[in-house]
Protein backbone atom coordinates (compact mmCIF):
# COMPACT_ATOMS: atom_id res chain seq x y z
CA MET A 1 3.95 -22.59 40.84
CA LYS A 2 5.21 -19.68 42.78
CA VAL A 3 6.88 -18.44 39.65
CA LEU A 4 3.34 -18.39 38.03
CA GLU A 5 2.21 -15.93 40.48
CA TYR A 6 4.88 -13.44 39.46
CA LEU A 7 4.54 -13.95 35.76
CA PRO A 8 1.69 -11.18 35.30
CA LEU A 9 3.95 -8.73 37.47
CA PHE A 10 7.04 -9.57 35.37
CA LEU A 11 5.04 -9.06 32.26
CA PHE A 12 3.62 -5.64 33.00
CA CYS A 13 7.05 -4.37 34.03
CA LEU A 14 8.51 -5.74 30.78
CA ILE A 15 5.89 -4.17 28.77
CA VAL A 16 6.33 -0.62 30.79
CA SER A 17 10.03 -0.64 30.29
CA THR A 18 9.72 -1.50 26.74
CA GLN A 19 7.32 1.26 25.85
CA SER A 20 9.39 3.88 27.77
CA ALA A 21 12.66 2.64 26.11
CA CYS A 22 11.12 2.64 22.64
CA THR A 23 10.49 6.33 22.51
CA LYS A 24 13.32 8.98 21.83
CA TYR A 25 11.48 11.99 20.72
CA ASP A 26 9.82 14.94 22.29
CA GLU A 27 6.75 13.84 20.31
CA GLY A 28 5.24 10.52 19.14
CA ALA A 29 3.95 7.10 20.65
CA PRO A 30 6.34 4.61 21.56
CA SER A 31 7.17 2.11 18.66
CA LEU A 32 8.97 -1.38 18.08
CA LYS A 33 9.89 -0.56 14.60
CA SER A 34 13.39 0.64 14.37
CA LYS A 35 14.29 4.19 14.05
CA LYS A 36 15.96 3.40 10.68
CA ASN A 37 12.85 1.54 9.27
CA ARG A 38 10.38 4.28 10.08
CA LEU A 39 12.63 6.95 8.70
CA ALA A 40 13.70 5.02 5.63
CA GLN A 41 10.92 5.73 3.24
CA LYS A 42 9.85 8.68 0.68
CA TRP A 43 8.10 11.67 2.32
CA LYS A 44 5.91 14.30 1.33
CA VAL A 45 5.89 17.82 2.53
CA ASP A 46 2.67 18.41 4.15
CA GLN A 47 4.13 21.83 5.70
CA ALA A 48 7.15 23.78 5.64
CA LEU A 49 8.14 26.81 7.65
CA VAL A 50 11.17 29.06 7.54
CA VAL A 51 11.27 30.25 11.48
CA PHE A 52 13.50 33.27 12.18
CA ASP A 53 14.93 32.65 15.67
CA ASP A 54 15.11 36.31 16.67
CA THR A 55 13.05 38.38 18.95
CA SER A 56 10.27 38.48 16.19
CA ASN A 57 9.44 34.55 16.54
CA TYR A 58 8.21 35.43 12.85
CA GLU A 59 7.25 32.17 10.85
CA LEU A 60 6.85 32.25 6.93
CA ASP A 61 4.93 29.36 5.32
CA VAL A 62 6.67 28.18 2.61
CA THR A 63 4.52 25.00 1.73
CA PRO A 64 3.80 25.79 -1.77
CA GLU A 65 7.31 25.82 -2.63
CA TRP A 66 7.21 22.08 -1.87
CA LEU A 67 4.30 21.08 -4.06
CA ASN A 68 5.12 17.89 -5.46
CA GLY A 69 8.49 17.74 -3.72
CA SER A 70 9.80 14.85 -1.83
CA ILE A 71 12.20 13.93 1.01
CA GLU A 72 13.62 10.44 0.82
CA PHE A 73 16.16 8.44 3.28
CA THR A 74 17.08 5.09 2.25
CA LYS A 75 17.95 1.86 4.54
CA ASP A 76 21.40 1.77 3.05
CA GLY A 77 22.00 5.49 3.92
CA GLY A 78 21.12 7.35 0.69
CA TYR A 79 19.48 10.56 0.60
CA GLU A 80 17.68 12.58 -1.89
CA MET A 81 15.20 15.76 -1.77
CA ASN A 82 13.53 17.41 -4.85
CA GLN A 83 11.83 20.64 -4.52
CA PHE A 84 9.96 22.51 -7.13
CA ILE A 85 9.64 26.51 -7.43
CA TYR A 86 6.32 27.39 -9.02
CA GLU A 87 5.44 30.67 -11.14
CA ASP A 88 2.00 30.65 -9.15
CA PRO A 89 1.54 27.79 -6.86
CA THR A 90 -1.99 28.92 -6.44
CA VAL A 91 -3.37 28.35 -9.80
CA THR A 92 -4.95 24.88 -10.60
CA ASP A 93 -2.35 23.32 -12.89
CA PRO A 94 0.98 25.29 -11.73
CA THR A 95 4.01 25.30 -13.97
CA ALA A 96 7.36 24.81 -12.06
CA VAL A 97 9.91 27.45 -12.95
CA PHE A 98 12.89 25.97 -11.10
CA LYS A 99 13.95 22.31 -9.76
CA VAL A 100 16.18 21.90 -6.65
CA GLU A 101 17.78 18.39 -6.75
CA THR A 102 19.65 17.06 -3.63
CA LYS A 103 21.29 13.73 -3.33
CA GLY A 104 23.79 12.48 -0.81
CA ASP A 105 23.86 10.44 2.23
CA TRP A 106 22.60 10.42 5.85
CA GLU A 107 23.31 8.82 9.42
CA PHE A 108 21.97 8.93 12.98
CA PHE A 109 23.79 10.76 15.73
CA GLY A 110 22.97 12.11 19.16
CA LYS A 111 21.37 9.03 20.32
CA LYS A 112 19.14 8.89 17.05
CA LYS A 113 17.83 12.30 17.76
CA GLN A 114 19.47 13.69 14.99
CA ILE A 115 20.54 13.25 11.61
CA TYR A 116 23.72 14.41 9.40
CA THR A 117 23.32 14.65 5.81
CA ASN A 118 25.85 15.05 3.26
CA GLU A 119 24.47 16.82 0.13
CA HIS A 120 25.25 17.67 -3.51
CA VAL A 121 22.74 20.35 -4.77
CA VAL A 122 21.90 21.20 -8.04
CA GLU A 123 19.48 24.17 -8.83
CA ILE A 124 18.10 23.82 -12.38
CA LYS A 125 15.84 25.95 -14.75
CA VAL A 126 12.99 23.70 -15.91
CA GLU A 127 12.30 25.37 -19.16
CA ASP A 128 15.63 24.49 -20.72
CA ASN A 129 17.10 22.24 -18.31
CA THR A 130 19.94 24.60 -17.53
CA ILE A 131 22.17 23.88 -14.31
CA LEU A 132 21.70 27.37 -12.54
CA GLU A 133 24.08 26.59 -9.49
CA GLU A 134 25.69 23.47 -7.85
CA TYR A 135 27.24 23.02 -4.57
CA ASP A 136 27.93 20.67 -1.72
CA ILE A 137 26.61 20.98 2.00
CA GLU A 138 28.68 18.85 4.47
CA ARG A 139 27.08 17.47 7.61
CA ARG A 140 23.69 19.39 7.71
CA VAL A 141 22.01 18.82 10.96
CA TRP A 142 18.37 17.74 11.31
CA TYR A 143 16.75 17.77 14.59
CA ILE A 144 13.98 14.99 14.95
CA VAL A 145 11.12 16.25 16.51
CA LYS A 146 8.50 13.33 15.77
CA LEU A 147 9.23 10.20 14.00
CA GLN A 148 6.52 7.61 13.37
CA LYS A 149 5.85 5.17 10.41
CA ASP A 150 3.19 7.62 9.03
CA GLU A 151 4.61 11.14 10.44
CA LEU A 152 7.91 12.71 10.53
CA TYR A 153 8.67 16.00 11.85
CA VAL A 154 12.13 17.60 11.60
CA LYS A 155 13.82 20.88 11.43
CA TYR A 156 17.39 22.02 10.36
CA TYR A 157 19.51 25.09 10.37
CA THR A 158 21.26 25.95 7.17
CA PRO A 159 24.98 25.61 7.98
CA GLY A 160 26.33 28.91 8.85
CA ASN A 161 23.10 30.71 9.53
CA ASP A 162 21.80 30.39 13.12
CA ILE A 163 19.07 33.41 12.69
CA GLN A 164 16.47 31.14 11.10
CA HIS A 165 15.71 27.30 10.71
CA TYR A 166 13.39 25.14 8.34
CA GLU A 167 10.32 22.97 10.03
CA PHE A 168 9.11 20.22 8.19
CA GLN A 169 5.90 18.18 8.79
CA LEU A 170 5.78 15.19 6.36
CA SER A 171 3.76 12.11 5.60
CA PRO A 172 4.53 9.07 3.48
CA PHE A 173 4.41 9.51 -0.24
């Protein structure tokens, strides 16, 4: 019967240790759902910023360039990002001028606080489907700031450019 006396204390310690072990990111509540399961879905861009890391601390809001865009991570390691550039994104029914299609793969690293992506990027003129440019990006590093089932906040630096980075606030599509 003495064991039953300590059961509430044991359960309390178990719950507290589980909650602190289940959160890895600077922002976000603990979750029992795995990081891969939370990440693996199609995300829409709620906000996109280009942040200049020089002394100006200047931020450029590029959210309109992500209207109808998406970023998707799959459980099997697949990755896809689609971005549309509009002639005038402020009108009611904007016309896309360019589309940027990115496909590749992803993997966690750095105690699952970061993601590597290998990407094949195709820039397309929408009017006639002309490919304007095609290139590969190897091992782009994404930093996970917040990862929940219904919210993802990430940032990445373009390889070779340590003066500016991109920040995305995403929600499920």
